């Protein structure tokens, strides 16, 4: 047991006694006294924490596989995990329940990725329509949280996370920096693949079930047409469906995209109306649980899907 780990063990024991059964099922904090206990709010942040932390960290993801992370509600055990964690990695404004738990229990032990990569307006990377804009403003103040869909932005998050982990665990700071550098190399390679793969295409507009892809479309000079705004389970109005169908025809869209964690019914309705196919374009907010792979492989699957749909050479 290291000197650094002793106060953590005592603190974790005290917290367990105080919280009783509420945290008895906690699997993150205090599980291994020689590792840094990190809580990640949802999958892309888990991916970065695991890759940067390596075997020096234990990472707990608050969003379960197959669940939509937008509407995450925390149970008492998860609140206990947040309160016990040495570092909480989250995106302020994306999950209100996580924001509240951090504010109340871990304000000084939290890493908000929006302080590294400020969020852009919801209208970037595509069309904004009457109704859609108001909906986006209502749910997020008009800010798009899906920054991880630009690999270069995620690389910057990884660099800063390495710095924070080094502050928590100075003895292994160089290791965190080294792993972040290696991850940056992988993400920059992915960025190069996207830029080359989407450089020459017959079409540059994508019709998506919700406007999660603004960072991706902006980075690679595409344009998204969203059936709904930033919340994936919102029901679009008949007027909105008609507008999307009209734009799909105008752009000769061959594919209407839907997501793994959301019903494809609306996308299928528009596809049938305009004579298009449907395909999965994954915003990688959370892994579905029945698909293998990680952030990198899902992003590459997205690239292949986009190239097919857009007629890229």
C-alpha atoms as a PDB file:
ATOM      1  CA  UNK A   1       0.000   0.000   0.000  1.00  0.00           C
ATOM      2  CA  UNK A   2       1.410   3.372  -0.978  1.00  0.00           C
ATOM      3  CA  UNK A   3       1.464   6.427   1.284  1.00  0.00           C
ATOM      4  CA  UNK A   4      -0.956   8.081  -1.110  1.00  0.00           C
ATOM      5  CA  UNK A   5      -3.426   5.211  -0.793  1.00  0.00           C
ATOM      6  CA  UNK A   6      -3.727   5.178   3.034  1.00  0.00           C
ATOM      7  CA  UNK A   7      -5.887   8.310   3.456  1.00  0.00           C
ATOM      8  CA  UNK A   8      -8.015   7.140   0.525  1.00  0.00           C
ATOM      9  CA  UNK A   9      -8.707   3.838   2.213  1.00  0.00           C
ATOM     10  CA  UNK A  10      -9.677   5.583   5.447  1.00  0.00           C
ATOM     11  CA  UNK A  11     -11.858   8.086   3.576  1.00  0.00           C
ATOM     12  CA  UNK A  12     -13.564   5.364   1.583  1.00  0.00           C
ATOM     13  CA  UNK A  13     -14.252   3.356   4.729  1.00  0.00           C
ATOM     14  CA  UNK A  14     -15.750   6.369   6.466  1.00  0.00           C
ATOM     15  CA  UNK A  15     -17.917   7.146   3.470  1.00  0.00           C
ATOM     16  CA  UNK A  16     -19.187   3.578   3.300  1.00  0.00           C
ATOM     17  CA  UNK A  17     -20.105   3.635   6.961  1.00  0.00           C
ATOM     18  CA  UNK A  18     -21.884   6.955   6.554  1.00  0.00           C
ATOM     19  CA  UNK A  19     -23.787   6.011   3.452  1.00  0.00           C
ATOM     20  CA  UNK A  20     -24.540   2.472   4.572  1.00  0.00           C
ATOM     21  CA  UNK A  21     -26.378   0.294   2.127  1.00  0.00           C
ATOM     22  CA  UNK A  22     -26.663   3.065  -0.443  1.00  0.00           C
ATOM     23  CA  UNK A  23     -23.049   2.581  -1.457  1.00  0.00           C
ATOM     24  CA  UNK A  24     -22.618  -1.047  -0.571  1.00  0.00           C
ATOM     25  CA  UNK A  25     -22.999  -1.938  -4.238  1.00  0.00           C
ATOM     26  CA  UNK A  26     -20.506   0.714  -5.406  1.00  0.00           C
ATOM     27  CA  UNK A  27     -17.881  -0.914  -7.590  1.00  0.00           C
ATOM     28  CA  UNK A  28     -15.793   2.153  -8.428  1.00  0.00           C
ATOM     29  CA  UNK A  29     -14.410   4.083  -5.484  1.00  0.00           C
ATOM     30  CA  UNK A  30     -12.101   2.258  -3.104  1.00  0.00           C
ATOM     31  CA  UNK A  31     -12.040  -0.922  -5.178  1.00  0.00           C
ATOM     32  CA  UNK A  32      -8.242  -0.858  -5.532  1.00  0.00           C
ATOM     33  CA  UNK A  33      -6.198   1.375  -3.188  1.00  0.00           C
ATOM     34  CA  UNK A  34      -3.256   1.438  -5.615  1.00  0.00           C
ATOM     35  CA  UNK A  35      -5.313   2.851  -8.485  1.00  0.00           C
ATOM     36  CA  UNK A  36      -6.897   6.239  -8.973  1.00  0.00           C
ATOM     37  CA  UNK A  37     -10.691   5.968  -8.771  1.00  0.00           C
ATOM     38  CA  UNK A  38     -12.232   7.790 -11.737  1.00  0.00           C
ATOM     39  CA  UNK A  39     -15.936   8.181 -12.457  1.00  0.00           C
ATOM     40  CA  UNK A  40     -16.868   8.956 -16.077  1.00  0.00           C
ATOM     41  CA  UNK A  41     -20.289  10.386 -16.875  1.00  0.00           C
ATOM     42  CA  UNK A  42     -20.773   8.516 -20.170  1.00  0.00           C
ATOM     43  CA  UNK A  43     -18.940   6.344 -22.690  1.00  0.00           C
ATOM     44  CA  UNK A  44     -16.607   8.652 -24.680  1.00  0.00           C
ATOM     45  CA  UNK A  45     -15.261  10.041 -21.399  1.00  0.00           C
ATOM     46  CA  UNK A  46     -14.829   6.491 -20.089  1.00  0.00           C
ATOM     47  CA  UNK A  47     -12.862   5.627 -23.243  1.00  0.00           C
ATOM     48  CA  UNK A  48     -10.501   8.570 -22.801  1.00  0.00           C
ATOM     49  CA  UNK A  49     -10.062   7.962 -19.059  1.00  0.00           C
ATOM     50  CA  UNK A  50      -9.228   4.302 -19.600  1.00  0.00           C
ATOM     51  CA  UNK A  51      -6.788   4.998 -22.415  1.00  0.00           C
ATOM     52  CA  UNK A  52      -5.000   7.833 -20.605  1.00  0.00           C
ATOM     53  CA  UNK A  53      -5.135   6.184 -17.183  1.00  0.00           C
ATOM     54  CA  UNK A  54      -4.176   2.687 -18.263  1.00  0.00           C
ATOM     55  CA  UNK A  55      -3.617   0.243 -15.416  1.00  0.00           C
ATOM     56  CA  UNK A  56      -3.139   3.116 -12.956  1.00  0.00           C
ATOM     57  CA  UNK A  57      -6.875   3.901 -12.818  1.00  0.00           C
ATOM     58  CA  UNK A  58     -10.191   2.222 -12.132  1.00  0.00           C
ATOM     59  CA  UNK A  59     -12.925   3.789 -14.256  1.00  0.00           C
ATOM     60  CA  UNK A  60     -16.642   3.583 -13.481  1.00  0.00           C
ATOM     61  CA  UNK A  61     -19.128   4.675 -16.170  1.00  0.00           C
ATOM     62  CA  UNK A  62     -22.353   6.137 -14.740  1.00  0.00           C
ATOM     63  CA  UNK A  63     -24.273   5.469 -17.983  1.00  0.00           C
ATOM     64  CA  UNK A  64     -25.024   1.780 -18.437  1.00  0.00           C
ATOM     65  CA  UNK A  65     -24.536   0.059 -21.825  1.00  0.00           C
ATOM     66  CA  UNK A  66     -27.633   0.259 -23.975  1.00  0.00           C
ATOM     67  CA  UNK A  67     -29.091   3.219 -22.044  1.00  0.00           C
ATOM     68  CA  UNK A  68     -29.501   6.696 -23.486  1.00  0.00           C
ATOM     69  CA  UNK A  69     -27.142   8.919 -21.425  1.00  0.00           C
ATOM     70  CA  UNK A  70     -29.011  12.191 -22.070  1.00  0.00           C
ATOM     71  CA  UNK A  71     -31.683  11.385 -19.474  1.00  0.00           C
ATOM     72  CA  UNK A  72     -29.513   9.596 -16.931  1.00  0.00           C
ATOM     73  CA  UNK A  73     -30.902   9.486 -13.396  1.00  0.00           C
ATOM     74  CA  UNK A  74     -28.489   8.499 -10.636  1.00  0.00           C
ATOM     75  CA  UNK A  75     -29.357   5.979  -7.951  1.00  0.00           C
ATOM     76  CA  UNK A  76     -27.962   6.394  -4.409  1.00  0.00           C
ATOM     77  CA  UNK A  77     -25.094   4.046  -5.130  1.00  0.00           C
ATOM     78  CA  UNK A  78     -24.011   6.100  -8.114  1.00  0.00           C
ATOM     79  CA  UNK A  79     -24.192   9.302  -6.095  1.00  0.00           C
ATOM     80  CA  UNK A  80     -21.930   7.515  -3.613  1.00  0.00           C
ATOM     81  CA  UNK A  81     -19.496   6.693  -6.415  1.00  0.00           C
ATOM     82  CA  UNK A  82     -19.356  10.355  -7.389  1.00  0.00           C
ATOM     83  CA  UNK A  83     -18.784  11.446  -3.793  1.00  0.00           C
ATOM     84  CA  UNK A  84     -15.973   8.907  -3.272  1.00  0.00           C
ATOM     85  CA  UNK A  85     -14.177   9.277  -6.601  1.00  0.00           C
ATOM     86  CA  UNK A  86     -10.786  10.932  -6.752  1.00  0.00           C
ATOM     87  CA  UNK A  87     -11.708  12.402 -10.123  1.00  0.00           C
ATOM     88  CA  UNK A  88     -15.079  12.786 -11.864  1.00  0.00           C
ATOM     89  CA  UNK A  89     -14.916  13.340 -15.632  1.00  0.00           C
ATOM     90  CA  UNK A  90     -18.105  14.895 -16.978  1.00  0.00           C
ATOM     91  CA  UNK A  91     -19.537  17.350 -19.496  1.00  0.00           C
ATOM     92  CA  UNK A  92     -21.433  20.105 -17.751  1.00  0.00           C
ATOM     93  CA  UNK A  93     -24.901  20.685 -19.174  1.00  0.00           C
ATOM     94  CA  UNK A  94     -25.250  17.270 -20.812  1.00  0.00           C
ATOM     95  CA  UNK A  95     -26.627  15.290 -17.862  1.00  0.00           C
ATOM     96  CA  UNK A  96     -28.375  17.412 -15.202  1.00  0.00           C
ATOM     97  CA  UNK A  97     -28.323  14.622 -12.609  1.00  0.00           C
ATOM     98  CA  UNK A  98     -24.551  14.322 -12.926  1.00  0.00           C
ATOM     99  CA  UNK A  99     -24.149  18.102 -12.725  1.00  0.00           C
ATOM    100  CA  UNK A 100     -26.123  18.132  -9.479  1.00  0.00           C
ATOM    101  CA  UNK A 101     -24.184  15.233  -7.955  1.00  0.00           C
ATOM    102  CA  UNK A 102     -20.871  16.889  -8.833  1.00  0.00           C
ATOM    103  CA  UNK A 103     -21.942  20.271  -7.445  1.00  0.00           C
ATOM    104  CA  UNK A 104     -23.047  18.698  -4.166  1.00  0.00           C
ATOM    105  CA  UNK A 105     -20.372  16.036  -3.677  1.00  0.00           C
ATOM    106  CA  UNK A 106     -17.316  16.483  -5.899  1.00  0.00           C
ATOM    107  CA  UNK A 107     -16.951  20.080  -7.045  1.00  0.00           C
ATOM    108  CA  UNK A 108     -13.242  20.177  -6.246  1.00  0.00           C
ATOM    109  CA  UNK A 109     -12.564  16.718  -7.691  1.00  0.00           C
ATOM    110  CA  UNK A 110     -14.271  17.160 -11.042  1.00  0.00           C
ATOM    111  CA  UNK A 111     -12.926  17.636 -14.563  1.00  0.00           C
ATOM    112  CA  UNK A 112     -15.489  19.378 -16.778  1.00  0.00           C
ATOM    113  CA  UNK A 113     -14.406  18.820 -20.382  1.00  0.00           C
ATOM    114  CA  UNK A 114     -16.218  21.980 -21.513  1.00  0.00           C
ATOM    115  CA  UNK A 115     -13.498  23.971 -19.745  1.00  0.00           C
ATOM    116  CA  UNK A 116     -11.068  22.440 -22.244  1.00  0.00           C
ATOM    117  CA  UNK A 117     -13.280  22.429 -25.338  1.00  0.00           C
ATOM    118  CA  UNK A 118     -16.003  25.098 -25.083  1.00  0.00           C
ATOM    119  CA  UNK A 119     -19.263  23.965 -26.657  1.00  0.00           C
ATOM    120  CA  UNK A 120     -20.436  25.398 -29.955  1.00  0.00           C
ATOM    121  CA  UNK A 121     -23.915  26.568 -30.839  1.00  0.00           C
ATOM    122  CA  UNK A 122     -26.417  23.903 -31.768  1.00  0.00           C
ATOM    123  CA  UNK A 123     -26.811  25.387 -35.256  1.00  0.00           C
ATOM    124  CA  UNK A 124     -23.210  24.736 -36.322  1.00  0.00           C
ATOM    125  CA  UNK A 125     -22.497  22.108 -38.921  1.00  0.00           C
ATOM    126  CA  UNK A 126     -25.890  22.178 -40.576  1.00  0.00           C
ATOM    127  CA  UNK A 127     -29.330  23.682 -41.101  1.00  0.00           C
ATOM    128  CA  UNK A 128     -31.323  25.145 -38.247  1.00  0.00           C
ATOM    129  CA  UNK A 129     -35.078  25.294 -38.740  1.00  0.00           C
ATOM    130  CA  UNK A 130     -38.021  26.952 -37.103  1.00  0.00           C
ATOM    131  CA  UNK A 131     -39.012  24.810 -34.118  1.00  0.00           C
ATOM    132  CA  UNK A 132     -35.737  22.918 -34.139  1.00  0.00           C
ATOM    133  CA  UNK A 133     -33.820  25.998 -32.997  1.00  0.00           C
ATOM    134  CA  UNK A 134     -36.264  26.719 -30.191  1.00  0.00           C
ATOM    135  CA  UNK A 135     -36.120  23.124 -29.054  1.00  0.00           C
ATOM    136  CA  UNK A 136     -32.338  23.182 -28.946  1.00  0.00           C
ATOM    137  CA  UNK A 137     -32.358  26.420 -26.961  1.00  0.00           C
ATOM    138  CA  UNK A 138     -34.812  24.982 -24.460  1.00  0.00           C
ATOM    139  CA  UNK A 139     -32.861  21.839 -23.730  1.00  0.00           C
ATOM    140  CA  UNK A 140     -29.255  23.025 -23.716  1.00  0.00           C
ATOM    141  CA  UNK A 141     -29.080  26.777 -24.003  1.00  0.00           C
ATOM    142  CA  UNK A 142     -28.355  26.290 -27.689  1.00  0.00           C
ATOM    143  CA  UNK A 143     -25.066  24.443 -27.107  1.00  0.00           C
ATOM    144  CA  UNK A 144     -24.143  21.152 -28.762  1.00  0.00           C
ATOM    145  CA  UNK A 145     -22.430  18.759 -26.317  1.00  0.00           C
ATOM    146  CA  UNK A 146     -21.252  16.129 -28.858  1.00  0.00           C
ATOM    147  CA  UNK A 147     -17.679  17.422 -29.129  1.00  0.00           C
ATOM    148  CA  UNK A 148     -16.163  13.911 -29.102  1.00  0.00           C
ATOM    149  CA  UNK A 149     -17.322  13.379 -32.708  1.00  0.00           C
ATOM    150  CA  UNK A 150     -14.389  15.584 -33.752  1.00  0.00           C
ATOM    151  CA  UNK A 151     -11.345  13.396 -32.947  1.00  0.00           C
ATOM    152  CA  UNK A 152      -9.046  16.400 -32.664  1.00  0.00           C
ATOM    153  CA  UNK A 153     -11.201  17.894 -29.909  1.00  0.00           C
ATOM    154  CA  UNK A 154     -11.213  14.587 -28.056  1.00  0.00           C
ATOM    155  CA  UNK A 155      -7.415  14.500 -28.295  1.00  0.00           C
ATOM    156  CA  UNK A 156      -7.236  17.860 -26.535  1.00  0.00           C
ATOM    157  CA  UNK A 157      -9.541  16.548 -23.812  1.00  0.00           C
ATOM    158  CA  UNK A 158      -7.177  13.586 -23.379  1.00  0.00           C
ATOM    159  CA  UNK A 159      -4.161  15.879 -23.023  1.00  0.00           C
ATOM    160  CA  UNK A 160      -5.837  17.919 -20.291  1.00  0.00           C
ATOM    161  CA  UNK A 161      -7.131  14.802 -18.542  1.00  0.00           C
ATOM    162  CA  UNK A 162      -3.548  13.555 -18.333  1.00  0.00           C
ATOM    163  CA  UNK A 163      -2.633  16.795 -16.559  1.00  0.00           C
ATOM    164  CA  UNK A 164      -5.463  16.370 -14.057  1.00  0.00           C
ATOM    165  CA  UNK A 165      -4.560  12.760 -13.367  1.00  0.00           C
ATOM    166  CA  UNK A 166      -0.971  13.865 -12.857  1.00  0.00           C
ATOM    167  CA  UNK A 167      -2.160  16.317 -10.204  1.00  0.00           C
ATOM    168  CA  UNK A 168      -4.060  13.542  -8.418  1.00  0.00           C
ATOM    169  CA  UNK A 169      -1.244  11.018  -8.783  1.00  0.00           C
ATOM    170  CA  UNK A 170       2.073  12.878  -9.277  1.00  0.00           C
ATOM    171  CA  UNK A 171       4.210   9.715  -9.119  1.00  0.00           C
ATOM    172  CA  UNK A 172       2.707   8.521 -12.412  1.00  0.00           C
ATOM    173  CA  UNK A 173       2.246  11.883 -14.131  1.00  0.00           C
ATOM    174  CA  UNK A 174       4.747  11.043 -16.868  1.00  0.00           C
ATOM    175  CA  UNK A 175       2.889   7.825 -17.651  1.00  0.00           C
ATOM    176  CA  UNK A 176      -0.401   9.678 -18.079  1.00  0.00           C
ATOM    177  CA  UNK A 177       1.253  12.191 -20.404  1.00  0.00           C
ATOM    178  CA  UNK A 178       2.819   9.406 -22.451  1.00  0.00           C
ATOM    179  CA  UNK A 179      -0.474   7.566 -22.868  1.00  0.00           C
ATOM    180  CA  UNK A 180      -2.285  10.777 -23.810  1.00  0.00           C
ATOM    181  CA  UNK A 181       0.350  11.434 -26.453  1.00  0.00           C
ATOM    182  CA  UNK A 182      -0.121   7.937 -27.847  1.00  0.00           C
ATOM    183  CA  UNK A 183      -3.895   8.389 -27.900  1.00  0.00           C
ATOM    184  CA  UNK A 184      -3.506  11.739 -29.661  1.00  0.00           C
ATOM    185  CA  UNK A 185      -1.539   9.940 -32.367  1.00  0.00           C
ATOM    186  CA  UNK A 186      -4.375   7.448 -32.855  1.00  0.00           C
ATOM    187  CA  UNK A 187      -7.002  10.174 -32.945  1.00  0.00           C
ATOM    188  CA  UNK A 188      -5.016  12.263 -35.416  1.00  0.00           C
ATOM    189  CA  UNK A 189      -4.703   9.187 -37.642  1.00  0.00           C
ATOM    190  CA  UNK A 190      -8.489   8.774 -37.443  1.00  0.00           C
ATOM    191  CA  UNK A 191      -8.897  12.445 -38.337  1.00  0.00           C
ATOM    192  CA  UNK A 192      -6.691  11.952 -41.403  1.00  0.00           C
ATOM    193  CA  UNK A 193      -8.755   8.945 -42.479  1.00  0.00           C
ATOM    194  CA  UNK A 194     -11.963  10.977 -42.219  1.00  0.00           C
ATOM    195  CA  UNK A 195     -10.543  13.942 -44.132  1.00  0.00           C
ATOM    196  CA  UNK A 196      -9.323  11.713 -46.953  1.00  0.00           C
ATOM    197  CA  UNK A 197     -12.369   9.451 -46.989  1.00  0.00           C
ATOM    198  CA  UNK A 198     -14.874  12.323 -47.182  1.00  0.00           C
ATOM    199  CA  UNK A 199     -12.892  14.634 -49.441  1.00  0.00           C
ATOM    200  CA  UNK A 200     -14.566  13.724 -52.730  1.00  0.00           C
ATOM    201  CA  UNK A 201     -18.230  12.734 -52.487  1.00  0.00           C
ATOM    202  CA  UNK A 202     -21.305  13.068 -54.705  1.00  0.00           C
ATOM    203  CA  UNK A 203     -23.277  14.584 -51.818  1.00  0.00           C
ATOM    204  CA  UNK A 204     -22.292  16.474 -48.685  1.00  0.00           C
ATOM    205  CA  UNK A 205     -25.599  16.547 -46.771  1.00  0.00           C
ATOM    206  CA  UNK A 206     -26.592  13.908 -44.225  1.00  0.00           C
ATOM    207  CA  UNK A 207     -30.124  13.462 -42.894  1.00  0.00           C
ATOM    208  CA  UNK A 208     -29.928  12.344 -39.260  1.00  0.00           C
ATOM    209  CA  UNK A 209     -32.457  11.466 -36.573  1.00  0.00           C
ATOM    210  CA  UNK A 210     -31.126  14.168 -34.233  1.00  0.00           C
ATOM    211  CA  UNK A 211     -28.585  16.930 -34.584  1.00  0.00           C
ATOM    212  CA  UNK A 212     -25.699  15.217 -32.823  1.00  0.00           C
ATOM    213  CA  UNK A 213     -23.215  15.466 -35.672  1.00  0.00           C
ATOM    214  CA  UNK A 214     -22.421  19.180 -35.878  1.00  0.00           C
ATOM    215  CA  UNK A 215     -18.785  18.823 -34.806  1.00  0.00           C
ATOM    216  CA  UNK A 216     -18.226  16.002 -37.290  1.00  0.00           C
ATOM    217  CA  UNK A 217     -19.927  17.768 -40.191  1.00  0.00           C
ATOM    218  CA  UNK A 218     -18.103  21.019 -39.485  1.00  0.00           C
ATOM    219  CA  UNK A 219     -14.724  19.304 -39.283  1.00  0.00           C
ATOM    220  CA  UNK A 220     -15.158  17.442 -42.568  1.00  0.00           C
ATOM    221  CA  UNK A 221     -17.181  20.050 -44.497  1.00  0.00           C
ATOM    222  CA  UNK A 222     -20.461  18.158 -44.493  1.00  0.00           C
ATOM    223  CA  UNK A 223     -23.926  19.469 -43.617  1.00  0.00           C
ATOM    224  CA  UNK A 224     -26.456  17.810 -41.331  1.00  0.00           C
ATOM    225  CA  UNK A 225     -30.228  17.970 -41.661  1.00  0.00           C
ATOM    226  CA  UNK A 226     -31.733  16.930 -38.321  1.00  0.00           C
ATOM    227  CA  UNK A 227     -35.179  15.384 -37.967  1.00  0.00           C
ATOM    228  CA  UNK A 228     -35.163  16.553 -34.341  1.00  0.00           C
ATOM    229  CA  UNK A 229     -32.916  18.758 -32.218  1.00  0.00           C
ATOM    230  CA  UNK A 230     -30.303  17.720 -29.673  1.00  0.00           C
ATOM    231  CA  UNK A 231     -32.533  15.381 -27.650  1.00  0.00           C
ATOM    232  CA  UNK A 232     -32.834  12.071 -29.520  1.00  0.00           C
ATOM    233  CA  UNK A 233     -36.212  10.910 -28.180  1.00  0.00           C
ATOM    234  CA  UNK A 234     -38.180  14.043 -29.078  1.00  0.00           C
ATOM    235  CA  UNK A 235     -41.148  13.473 -31.390  1.00  0.00           C
ATOM    236  CA  UNK A 236     -40.923  15.692 -34.492  1.00  0.00           C
ATOM    237  CA  UNK A 237     -44.005  17.570 -35.643  1.00  0.00           C
ATOM    238  CA  UNK A 238     -45.724  16.670 -38.933  1.00  0.00           C
ATOM    239  CA  UNK A 239     -44.477  19.992 -40.282  1.00  0.00           C
ATOM    240  CA  UNK A 240     -40.906  19.092 -39.402  1.00  0.00           C
ATOM    241  CA  UNK A 241     -41.233  15.660 -41.040  1.00  0.00           C
ATOM    242  CA  UNK A 242     -42.490  17.317 -44.219  1.00  0.00           C
ATOM    243  CA  UNK A 243     -39.573  19.786 -44.184  1.00  0.00           C
ATOM    244  CA  UNK A 244     -37.004  16.997 -43.782  1.00  0.00           C
ATOM    245  CA  UNK A 245     -38.607  14.945 -46.548  1.00  0.00           C
ATOM    246  CA  UNK A 246     -38.467  17.970 -48.859  1.00  0.00           C
ATOM    247  CA  UNK A 247     -34.798  18.591 -48.087  1.00  0.00           C
ATOM    248  CA  UNK A 248     -33.964  14.911 -48.508  1.00  0.00           C
ATOM    249  CA  UNK A 249     -35.467  15.019 -51.990  1.00  0.00           C
ATOM    250  CA  UNK A 250     -33.690  18.277 -52.841  1.00  0.00           C
ATOM    251  CA  UNK A 251     -30.327  16.821 -51.857  1.00  0.00           C
ATOM    252  CA  UNK A 252     -31.127  13.438 -53.421  1.00  0.00           C
ATOM    253  CA  UNK A 253     -30.329  11.750 -50.133  1.00  0.00           C
ATOM    254  CA  UNK A 254     -29.866   8.022 -50.564  1.00  0.00           C
ATOM    255  CA  UNK A 255     -29.827   7.286 -46.829  1.00  0.00           C
ATOM    256  CA  UNK A 256     -31.700   8.453 -43.732  1.00  0.00           C
ATOM    257  CA  UNK A 257     -29.608   7.826 -40.637  1.00  0.00           C
ATOM    258  CA  UNK A 258     -30.837   6.604 -37.261  1.00  0.00           C
ATOM    259  CA  UNK A 259     -29.037   5.598 -34.051  1.00  0.00           C
ATOM    260  CA  UNK A 260     -28.421   2.449 -32.081  1.00  0.00           C
ATOM    261  CA  UNK A 261     -30.066   3.691 -28.864  1.00  0.00           C
ATOM    262  CA  UNK A 262     -33.122   5.297 -30.480  1.00  0.00           C
ATOM    263  CA  UNK A 263     -36.104   3.830 -32.334  1.00  0.00           C
ATOM    264  CA  UNK A 264     -35.628   3.909 -36.135  1.00  0.00           C
ATOM    265  CA  UNK A 265     -39.359   4.419 -36.860  1.00  0.00           C
ATOM    266  CA  UNK A 266     -39.197   8.117 -37.770  1.00  0.00           C
ATOM    267  CA  UNK A 267     -36.165   7.603 -40.016  1.00  0.00           C
ATOM    268  CA  UNK A 268     -37.903   4.663 -41.675  1.00  0.00           C
ATOM    269  CA  UNK A 269     -40.997   6.795 -42.306  1.00  0.00           C
ATOM    270  CA  UNK A 270     -39.025   9.501 -44.102  1.00  0.00           C
ATOM    271  CA  UNK A 271     -36.920   6.957 -45.981  1.00  0.00           C
ATOM    272  CA  UNK A 272     -40.053   5.235 -47.291  1.00  0.00           C
ATOM    273  CA  UNK A 273     -41.512   8.561 -48.382  1.00  0.00           C
ATOM    274  CA  UNK A 274     -38.469   9.686 -50.359  1.00  0.00           C
ATOM    275  CA  UNK A 275     -37.317   6.280 -51.590  1.00  0.00           C
ATOM    276  CA  UNK A 276     -34.144   6.122 -49.519  1.00  0.00           C
ATOM    277  CA  UNK A 277     -32.508   3.477 -47.362  1.00  0.00           C
ATOM    278  CA  UNK A 278     -31.842   3.657 -43.637  1.00  0.00           C
ATOM    279  CA  UNK A 279     -28.526   3.064 -41.896  1.00  0.00           C
ATOM    280  CA  UNK A 280     -26.995   3.460 -38.446  1.00  0.00           C
ATOM    281  CA  UNK A 281     -24.842   6.518 -37.783  1.00  0.00           C
ATOM    282  CA  UNK A 282     -23.732   6.201 -34.192  1.00  0.00           C
ATOM    283  CA  UNK A 283     -23.174   9.366 -32.106  1.00  0.00           C
ATOM    284  CA  UNK A 284     -21.241   7.163 -29.648  1.00  0.00           C
ATOM    285  CA  UNK A 285     -22.971   8.638 -26.618  1.00  0.00           C
ATOM    286  CA  UNK A 286     -22.991   5.134 -25.202  1.00  0.00           C
ATOM    287  CA  UNK A 287     -22.179   1.701 -26.544  1.00  0.00           C
ATOM    288  CA  UNK A 288     -25.328  -0.318 -27.190  1.00  0.00           C
ATOM    289  CA  UNK A 289     -24.111  -3.341 -25.245  1.00  0.00           C
ATOM    290  CA  UNK A 290     -24.623  -5.823 -28.086  1.00  0.00           C
ATOM    291  CA  UNK A 291     -21.971  -4.395 -30.402  1.00  0.00           C
ATOM    292  CA  UNK A 292     -18.280  -4.962 -29.902  1.00  0.00           C
ATOM    293  CA  UNK A 293     -15.545  -2.427 -30.375  1.00  0.00           C
ATOM    294  CA  UNK A 294     -14.678   0.935 -28.916  1.00  0.00           C
ATOM    295  CA  UNK A 295     -14.723   4.604 -29.862  1.00  0.00           C
ATOM    296  CA  UNK A 296     -12.146   4.165 -32.613  1.00  0.00           C
ATOM    297  CA  UNK A 297     -13.830   1.192 -34.277  1.00  0.00           C
ATOM    298  CA  UNK A 298     -17.298   2.758 -34.124  1.00  0.00           C
ATOM    299  CA  UNK A 299     -15.957   5.981 -35.626  1.00  0.00           C
ATOM    300  CA  UNK A 300     -14.418   3.966 -38.459  1.00  0.00           C
ATOM    301  CA  UNK A 301     -17.700   2.127 -38.970  1.00  0.00           C
ATOM    302  CA  UNK A 302     -19.401   5.533 -39.175  1.00  0.00           C
ATOM    303  CA  UNK A 303     -16.878   6.624 -41.803  1.00  0.00           C
ATOM    304  CA  UNK A 304     -17.568   3.575 -43.955  1.00  0.00           C
ATOM    305  CA  UNK A 305     -21.321   4.185 -43.651  1.00  0.00           C
ATOM    306  CA  UNK A 306     -20.940   7.840 -44.613  1.00  0.00           C
ATOM    307  CA  UNK A 307     -18.778   7.033 -47.624  1.00  0.00           C
ATOM    308  CA  UNK A 308     -21.381   4.624 -48.937  1.00  0.00           C
ATOM    309  CA  UNK A 309     -24.307   6.966 -48.333  1.00  0.00           C
ATOM    310  CA  UNK A 310     -22.601  10.030 -49.827  1.00  0.00           C
ATOM    311  CA  UNK A 311     -21.100   8.287 -52.837  1.00  0.00           C
ATOM    312  CA  UNK A 312     -17.503   9.074 -51.921  1.00  0.00           C
ATOM    313  CA  UNK A 313     -14.640   8.043 -54.163  1.00  0.00           C
END
